[in-house]
Protein backbone atom coordinates (compact mmCIF):
# COMPACT_ATOMS: atom_id res chain seq x y z
CA MET A 1 87.76 67.24 68.35
CA SER A 2 91.26 67.81 66.47
CA GLN A 3 92.38 70.43 63.70
CA THR A 4 95.53 70.32 62.07
CA GLU A 5 97.55 72.67 59.68
CA ALA A 6 99.12 71.07 56.80
CA MET A 7 101.86 73.87 56.89
CA GLY A 8 101.97 74.56 60.13
CA GLY A 9 102.02 71.72 62.07
CA VAL A 10 99.91 72.62 64.96
CA ASP A 11 97.61 70.54 66.90
CA TYR A 12 94.79 71.69 68.99
CA GLU A 13 93.07 69.56 71.53
CA ASP A 14 91.45 70.11 74.65
CA GLY A 15 93.00 73.29 75.13
CA ALA A 16 96.44 72.14 75.07
CA VAL A 17 98.60 73.34 72.35
CA THR A 18 101.39 71.09 70.17
CA GLN A 19 103.38 72.29 68.13
CA VAL A 20 106.06 70.25 65.77
CA SER A 21 108.95 71.80 64.11
CA GLY A 22 109.16 69.90 61.51
CA GLU A 23 108.74 66.25 59.80
CA GLY A 24 108.70 63.77 62.30
CA ALA A 25 110.18 65.74 64.59
CA PRO A 26 109.20 65.24 68.72
CA PRO A 27 105.97 67.63 69.68
CA ILE A 28 106.48 70.73 72.02
CA GLU A 29 104.04 71.08 74.90
CA LEU A 30 102.70 75.11 75.07
CA PRO A 31 100.64 76.63 77.68
CA PRO A 32 96.96 75.38 77.22
CA THR A 33 94.95 78.44 75.71
CA SER A 34 92.67 80.55 78.42
CA ARG A 35 89.14 79.41 78.06
CA GLY A 36 86.21 81.78 79.34
CA GLY A 37 86.19 81.96 82.72
CA GLY A 38 89.88 80.12 83.56
CA SER A 39 91.37 83.41 83.77
CA PHE A 40 89.27 84.55 86.70
CA TRP A 41 90.50 80.93 88.33
CA ARG A 42 94.36 81.82 87.37
CA PHE A 43 94.07 84.99 88.94
CA ILE A 44 93.15 82.95 92.26
CA ASN A 45 95.54 80.94 91.91
CA ASP A 46 98.46 83.29 90.77
CA ARG A 47 97.29 86.61 93.14
CA ASN A 48 95.45 84.47 96.26
CA PRO A 49 93.38 87.79 96.96
CA ILE A 50 91.89 85.74 99.65
CA PHE A 51 94.56 86.76 102.17
CA LEU A 52 94.15 90.44 101.31
CA LEU A 53 90.25 89.79 102.33
CA SER A 54 91.13 88.38 105.24
CA ALA A 55 92.85 90.79 106.73
CA ILE A 56 89.90 93.59 105.30
CA CYS A 57 87.17 91.55 107.26
CA MET A 58 89.78 91.23 110.68
CA PHE A 59 90.39 95.20 110.26
CA ALA A 60 86.86 96.46 109.88
CA GLY A 61 85.90 93.77 112.29
CA TYR A 62 87.76 95.55 114.96
CA ARG A 63 86.88 98.77 114.04
CA MET A 64 83.11 98.10 114.22
CA ILE A 65 83.74 96.22 117.95
CA LEU A 66 85.58 99.15 119.31
CA GLY A 67 83.17 101.57 118.17
CA ALA A 68 80.65 99.24 119.55
CA MET A 69 82.21 99.16 122.74
CA ASN A 70 82.99 102.61 123.28
CA THR A 71 85.34 101.86 126.15
CA PRO A 72 84.28 104.02 129.57
CA PRO A 73 87.78 105.41 131.44
CA GLY A 74 89.64 103.12 133.24
CA ASP A 75 87.77 100.16 132.01
CA VAL A 76 90.84 97.78 130.32
CA GLY A 77 89.28 94.04 130.65
CA GLY A 78 87.26 94.68 127.54
CA LEU A 79 90.49 95.62 125.42
CA VAL A 80 92.63 92.77 126.61
CA PRO A 81 91.00 89.62 125.03
CA LEU A 82 90.80 91.96 121.72
CA ILE A 83 94.98 91.92 121.67
CA ALA A 84 94.82 88.12 122.41
CA VAL A 85 92.55 87.76 119.53
CA LEU A 86 94.78 90.16 117.19
CA ASN A 87 98.78 88.48 118.59
CA LEU A 88 96.90 85.18 117.58
CA TYR A 89 95.81 86.25 114.14
CA GLU A 90 99.09 87.55 113.72
CA VAL A 91 100.84 83.83 114.93
CA ALA A 92 98.87 82.42 112.26
CA LEU A 93 99.81 84.65 109.75
CA ILE A 94 103.13 83.89 110.28
CA SER A 95 102.94 80.52 110.66
CA LEU A 96 101.03 79.92 107.41
CA GLY A 97 103.69 82.40 105.55
CA LEU A 98 106.90 80.11 106.85
CA VAL A 99 105.57 77.36 105.71
CA LEU A 100 104.52 78.12 102.46
CA ILE A 101 108.01 79.77 101.91
CA ARG A 102 109.48 77.32 103.83
CA ARG A 103 107.82 74.03 103.03
CA ARG A 104 106.05 74.69 99.81
CA GLY A 105 108.37 77.19 97.98
CA LEU A 106 105.43 79.43 97.52
CA PHE A 107 107.06 82.57 97.77
CA ARG A 108 104.52 85.29 96.54
CA ASP A 109 102.23 84.07 99.43
CA GLY A 110 104.29 83.75 101.97
CA TRP A 111 105.56 87.55 101.27
CA ILE A 112 101.95 88.57 101.09
CA LEU A 113 101.12 87.07 104.85
CA LEU A 114 104.03 88.91 106.09
CA ALA A 115 103.32 91.48 104.83
CA VAL A 116 99.70 91.63 105.78
CA GLU A 117 101.25 90.84 108.93
CA ALA A 118 103.12 93.54 109.07
CA LEU A 119 100.42 95.98 109.18
CA PHE A 120 98.82 94.59 112.08
CA LEU A 121 102.25 94.65 114.29
CA VAL A 122 102.17 98.39 114.02
CA ASP A 123 98.86 99.03 115.77
CA LEU A 124 96.53 98.90 112.00
CA THR A 125 93.39 99.02 113.76
CA ASN A 126 94.63 101.45 116.79
CA LEU A 127 93.95 98.93 119.64
CA GLN A 128 97.02 99.29 120.94
CA SER A 129 96.34 103.08 121.11
CA GLU A 130 92.81 102.95 122.20
CA VAL A 131 93.69 101.08 125.47
CA TYR A 132 95.79 104.76 126.52
CA ALA A 133 92.35 106.18 126.41
CA ALA A 134 92.00 104.38 129.36
CA SER A 135 94.44 104.32 130.92
CA VAL A 136 97.99 105.55 130.47
CA ARG A 137 99.71 103.73 133.15
CA GLN A 138 97.92 100.36 132.12
CA GLY A 139 98.38 101.19 128.03
CA LEU A 140 101.76 101.50 128.97
CA MET A 141 102.36 98.05 130.44
CA LEU A 142 100.03 96.57 127.43
CA ASN A 143 102.32 98.56 125.30
CA GLY A 144 105.63 97.36 126.59
CA VAL A 145 104.18 93.46 126.19
CA CYS A 146 103.29 94.00 122.42
CA LEU A 147 106.70 95.65 122.00
CA VAL A 148 108.42 92.65 123.45
CA LEU A 149 105.80 90.33 121.24
CA ALA A 150 106.74 92.27 118.06
CA LEU A 151 110.12 91.81 118.49
CA ILE A 152 110.01 88.47 119.18
CA LYS A 153 107.88 87.98 116.30
CA ILE A 154 110.31 90.08 113.84
CA GLY A 155 113.03 87.62 115.10
CA VAL A 156 111.28 84.06 114.61
CA VAL A 157 110.30 85.07 111.22
CA VAL A 158 114.18 86.38 110.40
CA ARG A 159 115.77 83.32 111.68
CA MET A 160 113.35 81.08 109.82
CA LEU A 161 114.03 82.76 106.50
CA ARG A 162 118.11 82.68 107.84
CA LEU A 163 118.36 86.77 107.59
CA ARG A 164 120.61 88.67 108.83
CA LEU A 165 120.19 92.09 110.96
CA SER A 166 122.61 94.11 111.72
CA LEU A 167 122.83 95.18 115.20
CA GLY A 168 121.97 98.91 114.18
CA GLU A 169 119.33 97.37 112.46
CA TRP A 170 117.71 96.05 115.47
CA GLY A 171 118.36 99.15 117.16
CA LEU A 172 116.25 100.86 114.42
CA ILE A 173 113.63 98.68 114.29
CA GLY A 174 113.00 98.50 118.23
CA ALA A 175 113.35 102.32 118.72
CA GLY A 176 110.73 102.36 115.22
CA LEU A 177 108.40 100.66 117.35
CA ALA A 178 109.04 101.83 120.53
CA MET A 179 108.08 105.21 119.57
CA LEU A 180 104.85 104.12 118.01
CA PHE A 181 103.56 101.93 120.92
CA GLY A 182 104.79 104.39 123.32
CA MET A 183 103.97 107.75 121.56
CA GLN A 184 99.77 107.84 122.58
CA GLY A 185 100.64 107.67 125.85
CA ALA A 186 103.32 110.17 126.04
CA PHE A 187 100.98 112.07 124.59
CA LYS A 188 98.26 111.31 126.85
CA ALA A 189 100.35 111.94 129.58
CA LEU A 190 101.31 115.82 128.45
CA ALA A 191 97.70 116.88 127.64
CA THR A 192 95.67 118.90 129.84
CA LYS A 193 92.75 117.86 132.21
CA GLU A 194 90.37 119.06 129.61
CA GLY A 195 92.51 116.80 126.70
CA GLU A 196 94.37 119.80 125.10
CA LEU A 197 97.89 119.51 123.99
CA ASP A 198 100.36 121.50 123.40
CA ALA A 199 101.25 121.89 119.65
CA ARG A 200 105.06 122.03 120.17
CA VAL A 201 105.02 118.33 121.95
CA LEU A 202 103.64 117.71 118.46
CA TYR A 203 106.13 119.26 116.85
CA GLY A 204 108.75 117.72 118.68
CA ALA A 205 107.33 114.19 118.04
CA TRP A 206 107.23 115.06 114.05
CA TRP A 207 111.45 116.15 114.83
CA ALA A 208 111.60 112.62 116.51
CA ALA A 209 109.80 111.03 113.51
CA GLY A 210 112.13 112.75 111.06
CA ALA A 211 115.29 111.99 113.02
CA LEU A 212 114.75 108.38 113.01
CA ALA A 213 113.98 108.63 108.76
CA ALA A 214 117.82 110.24 108.98
CA VAL A 215 119.06 107.54 111.13
CA ALA A 216 118.14 104.80 108.34
CA GLY A 217 120.00 106.08 105.74
CA PHE A 218 123.50 105.59 107.78
CA VAL A 219 122.71 102.24 109.41
CA GLY A 220 124.55 99.60 107.22
CA ARG A 221 122.85 96.79 106.42
CA GLY A 222 123.33 92.90 107.59
CA ASP A 223 125.00 90.41 105.00
CA ARG A 224 122.21 88.82 103.81
CA THR A 225 121.27 87.96 99.78
CA GLY A 226 118.40 85.83 98.02
CA ARG A 227 114.95 87.48 96.96
CA PHE A 228 114.24 88.40 101.08
CA MET A 229 117.21 90.18 101.53
CA ALA A 230 114.83 93.26 101.36
CA LEU A 231 111.92 92.26 103.70
CA PRO A 232 113.11 93.13 106.97
CA ARG A 233 113.67 96.88 105.99
CA ARG A 234 110.40 96.98 103.81
CA LEU A 235 108.31 95.44 106.62
CA TYR A 236 109.42 95.97 109.61
CA ILE A 237 111.46 99.83 108.98
CA LEU A 238 109.73 101.13 106.55
CA ILE A 239 106.06 100.24 107.17
CA PRO A 240 106.42 101.17 110.90
CA PHE A 241 107.67 104.31 109.58
CA ALA A 242 104.76 105.25 107.47
CA SER A 243 102.58 104.32 110.47
CA LEU A 244 104.20 106.73 112.92
CA ILE A 245 103.69 109.42 110.37
CA VAL A 246 99.73 108.53 110.00
CA HIS A 247 99.17 108.08 113.95
CA LEU A 248 101.07 112.01 114.13
CA CYS A 249 98.56 113.21 111.49
CA GLY A 250 95.71 111.59 113.55
CA ALA A 251 97.21 113.11 117.04
CA ASN A 252 96.08 116.49 115.37
CA ARG A 253 92.18 115.75 115.11
CA VAL A 254 92.52 113.05 118.93
CA TYR A 255 93.61 116.83 120.59
CA GLU A 256 91.68 119.13 118.16
CA THR A 257 95.39 121.19 117.77
CA HIS A 258 95.66 122.92 114.45
CA PHE A 259 97.97 121.12 112.24
CA HIS A 260 100.94 123.49 110.39
CA PRO A 261 102.52 122.34 107.44
CA ALA A 262 105.35 123.32 109.33
CA ASN A 263 105.17 119.69 110.83
CA ILE A 264 106.01 118.12 107.85
CA ALA A 265 109.47 119.79 107.53
CA PRO A 266 111.40 117.81 109.79
CA VAL A 267 110.38 114.48 107.74
CA LEU A 268 111.59 116.28 104.72
CA LEU A 269 115.01 117.13 106.32
CA GLY A 270 115.43 113.82 107.79
CA ILE A 271 114.69 112.09 104.15
CA ALA A 272 117.35 114.88 102.76
CA ALA A 273 119.57 113.44 105.48
CA ALA A 274 119.09 109.88 105.20
CA LEU A 275 119.98 110.38 101.05
CA SER A 276 123.55 111.63 103.17
CA GLY A 277 123.83 107.34 103.74
CA VAL A 278 122.49 106.00 100.76
CA ARG A 279 125.12 104.42 98.64
CA TRP A 280 123.27 102.87 95.95
CA LEU A 281 121.79 105.87 94.40
CA PRO A 282 123.60 107.51 91.65
CA TRP A 283 125.25 110.70 93.53
CA THR A 284 123.70 113.26 91.04
CA PHE A 285 120.48 112.11 92.03
CA ALA A 286 120.82 111.73 95.84
CA ALA A 287 122.11 115.59 95.40
CA LYS A 288 119.75 116.96 93.67
CA MET A 289 116.67 115.49 95.81
CA GLN A 290 118.72 116.69 98.88
CA MET A 291 118.36 120.01 97.44
CA VAL A 292 114.83 119.73 96.46
CA LEU A 293 113.80 118.42 100.19
CA ILE A 294 115.79 121.15 101.75
CA ALA A 295 114.09 123.88 99.89
CA GLY A 296 110.25 122.05 100.82
CA ALA A 297 111.28 121.95 103.92
CA GLY A 298 111.93 125.93 104.20
CA LEU A 299 109.09 126.60 101.99
CA MET A 300 106.63 124.41 104.71
CA SER A 301 108.19 126.37 107.62
CA LEU A 302 107.63 130.36 105.78
CA GLN A 303 104.50 130.39 108.23
CA THR A 304 105.41 130.98 111.38
CA PRO A 305 102.26 129.91 114.15
CA ARG A 306 102.35 131.63 117.47
CA ASP A 307 102.09 128.51 119.39
CA LEU A 308 105.07 126.65 117.69
CA THR A 309 107.38 129.95 118.77
CA TRP A 310 109.04 129.86 122.24
CA VAL A 311 111.80 132.01 123.52
CA THR A 312 115.00 130.37 125.38
CA SER A 313 117.47 132.23 127.39
CA GLY A 314 116.36 135.75 125.28
CA ILE A 315 116.73 133.99 121.66
CA TRP A 316 113.31 133.30 119.87
CA PHE A 317 113.02 129.92 118.51
CA SER A 318 110.55 128.89 115.90
CA PRO A 319 110.28 126.18 113.06
CA LEU A 320 111.50 128.78 110.22
CA ARG A 321 114.62 129.16 112.42
CA VAL A 322 115.12 125.82 113.75
CA THR A 323 114.58 124.38 109.72
CA LEU A 324 117.37 126.63 108.79
CA MET A 325 119.73 125.34 111.32
CA ALA A 326 118.83 121.65 110.37
CA ALA A 327 118.70 121.90 106.82
CA MET A 328 122.32 123.96 107.30
CA MET A 329 124.02 120.83 108.68
CA ILE A 330 122.69 118.85 106.54
CA ALA A 331 124.35 121.15 103.62
CA LEU A 332 127.49 121.20 105.04
CA TRP A 333 127.41 116.98 105.44
CA SER A 334 126.55 117.08 101.81
CA ALA A 335 128.94 119.54 100.86
CA ILE A 336 131.79 117.75 102.58
CA ARG A 337 131.06 114.70 100.65
CA TYR A 338 129.58 115.64 97.19
CA ARG A 339 132.72 118.14 96.96
CA GLN A 340 130.00 120.62 95.42
CA TRP A 341 129.67 124.38 95.84
CA ALA A 342 126.11 124.24 95.82
CA PHE A 343 125.69 123.10 98.91
CA VAL A 344 128.01 125.81 100.54
CA PHE A 345 126.09 128.27 99.12
CA ALA A 346 122.73 126.43 100.37
CA ALA A 347 124.20 126.19 103.99
CA GLY A 348 125.50 129.72 103.97
CA GLY A 349 122.29 131.13 103.09
CA CYS A 350 120.44 128.97 105.72
CA ALA A 351 122.64 130.44 108.19
CA VAL A 352 122.31 133.92 107.42
CA VAL A 353 118.27 134.07 107.03
CA ALA A 354 118.35 132.28 110.91
CA VAL A 355 120.59 134.69 112.44
CA LEU A 356 118.75 137.34 110.45
CA GLY A 357 115.19 136.66 112.44
CA HIS A 358 113.36 133.72 113.76
CA THR A 359 110.30 134.86 111.19
CA ALA A 360 110.44 135.52 107.57
CA GLY A 361 109.05 138.81 108.19
CA GLN A 362 111.69 140.20 110.99
CA ALA A 363 114.57 138.32 108.56
CA ARG A 364 113.43 140.85 105.91
CA GLN A 365 113.26 143.87 108.56
CA THR A 366 116.84 142.90 109.56
CA PHE A 367 118.56 142.78 106.32
CA ILE A 368 116.68 145.86 104.96
CA ALA A 369 118.30 147.63 107.78
CA MET A 370 121.70 146.28 107.67
CA LEU A 371 121.51 147.57 104.16
CA GLU A 372 121.23 150.75 105.14
CA ARG A 373 123.77 151.17 107.75
CA ILE A 374 126.43 149.13 105.16
CA GLY A 375 125.09 152.40 102.86
CA GLU A 376 125.93 154.90 105.44
CA PHE A 377 128.96 153.56 106.39
CA THR A 378 130.31 153.17 102.45
CA ARG A 379 129.07 156.69 102.40
CA ALA A 380 131.36 157.64 105.15
CA MET A 381 134.42 156.06 104.09
CA ILE A 382 133.93 157.62 100.46
CA PRO A 383 136.94 160.59 100.79
CA THR A 384 136.01 164.27 99.86
CA THR A 385 139.12 165.99 99.77
CA PRO A 386 142.51 165.10 97.18
CA MET A 387 144.37 164.19 100.16
CA GLY A 388 141.84 161.41 100.61
CA TRP A 389 141.65 159.84 97.33
CA GLY A 390 145.64 160.42 97.28
CA ILE A 391 145.88 157.76 100.58
CA ILE A 392 143.12 155.53 98.73
CA ALA A 393 145.31 155.55 96.01
CA VAL A 394 148.69 154.61 97.63
CA VAL A 395 147.03 151.87 99.82
CA THR A 396 145.69 150.19 96.65
CA SER A 397 148.75 150.39 95.15
CA PHE A 398 150.26 148.32 97.57
CA ILE A 399 147.53 145.73 97.55
CA LEU A 400 147.61 145.30 93.84
CA LEU A 401 151.25 144.88 94.29
CA GLY A 402 150.41 141.96 96.71
CA LEU A 403 148.01 140.33 94.03
CA GLY A 404 150.40 140.58 91.16
CA ALA A 405 153.17 138.73 93.41
CA VAL A 406 150.76 135.85 94.02
CA VAL A 407 150.13 135.66 90.24
CA SER A 408 153.64 135.43 89.22
CA LEU A 409 154.35 133.26 92.29
CA ARG A 410 151.91 130.52 91.19
CA LYS A 411 153.47 130.19 87.87
CA GLY A 412 156.56 128.71 89.19
CA VAL A 413 159.38 128.63 87.61
CA GLU A 414 160.46 129.07 83.73
CA GLY A 415 163.20 128.77 81.72
CA ASP A 416 166.16 131.01 81.24
CA GLY A 417 167.02 130.80 77.54
CA ASP A 418 166.10 135.06 77.40
CA LEU A 419 168.79 135.67 79.41
CA ARG A 420 171.43 133.52 78.02
CA GLY A 421 170.87 135.57 74.73
């Protein structure tokens, strides 16, 4: 069936639209109009959610298998085949993704596949962490092999997509994956026979994660262009870091250790430090965000739990004092870079509070005691006799004379027109 408008020169036939701009002009083909269920198939064709469904099925299947296996201590034999199958799945994801990108030019589908593979690369299923529950020694061996395989997979993707990574980026990727794969083994080795872990060990791991975030801001990017230029940092630096934070949060539940808000402070400070090395953000925005992050880290550390406090060489350390010391260094660095007095004042405030005490209560008490001593000293210095006031007046005259000289000398040399008259 065909319908033509007398004035419009528009024909509708079989869902296609043909527009005629004038009498005798050649037709211009427009996209076909949508009909009924066509939008669903267009969504499938454009977004291809089947890849995501495949990843969800793999994740759910592995979690159910691990729950059903209930691996006893020392038995790793059942976990090795699962790790092998998962690595085979990752190889299939990488291969298909690279074929779609290099051979077919389907960049969106290829990006989805590589992103899904990156999620499994960072132990999304907790399968590699499960090995440590059976044996720390065997867990370190298997995770070491998985770390090498992960770097090889990343190298293949980078090479096939002709992406250049700087030496610093490779080091950051390796450090992040090494910490991710070895963290649970370190926790298991440091835990007691009853399965208890010192809260300060977890707190130290949070500081390591914060340091990793800080370094990421100063690592130079390799010389690369194109639509995949951001792929290495997004998939192999950002995703492993997010997975590391998730694993750290889960460690409190595994070892039945209370989660303290102070654990978040190192990550906030790490991000604040990283902003100092970011060049593509406006410096005004980066500076404001740094102030917000530093303040947030301080607020997170106000509560000082006993299990996160320790003494070294007679000096007490706590999350508040350590956070303030790190915030002071970040503020000083930002003051040098941005040349803003606000960071100087922030650094000074952090230093003063850190010196006053390792807890908010002790810092407040020390500050009040200092004010009382200053008041006593001031009252003792106020003269009570005419002789005393006279001495102060003479000393003040010399001080004012010196200040006046400084002001005059800063004016420079003026003309001598008045003297000629």
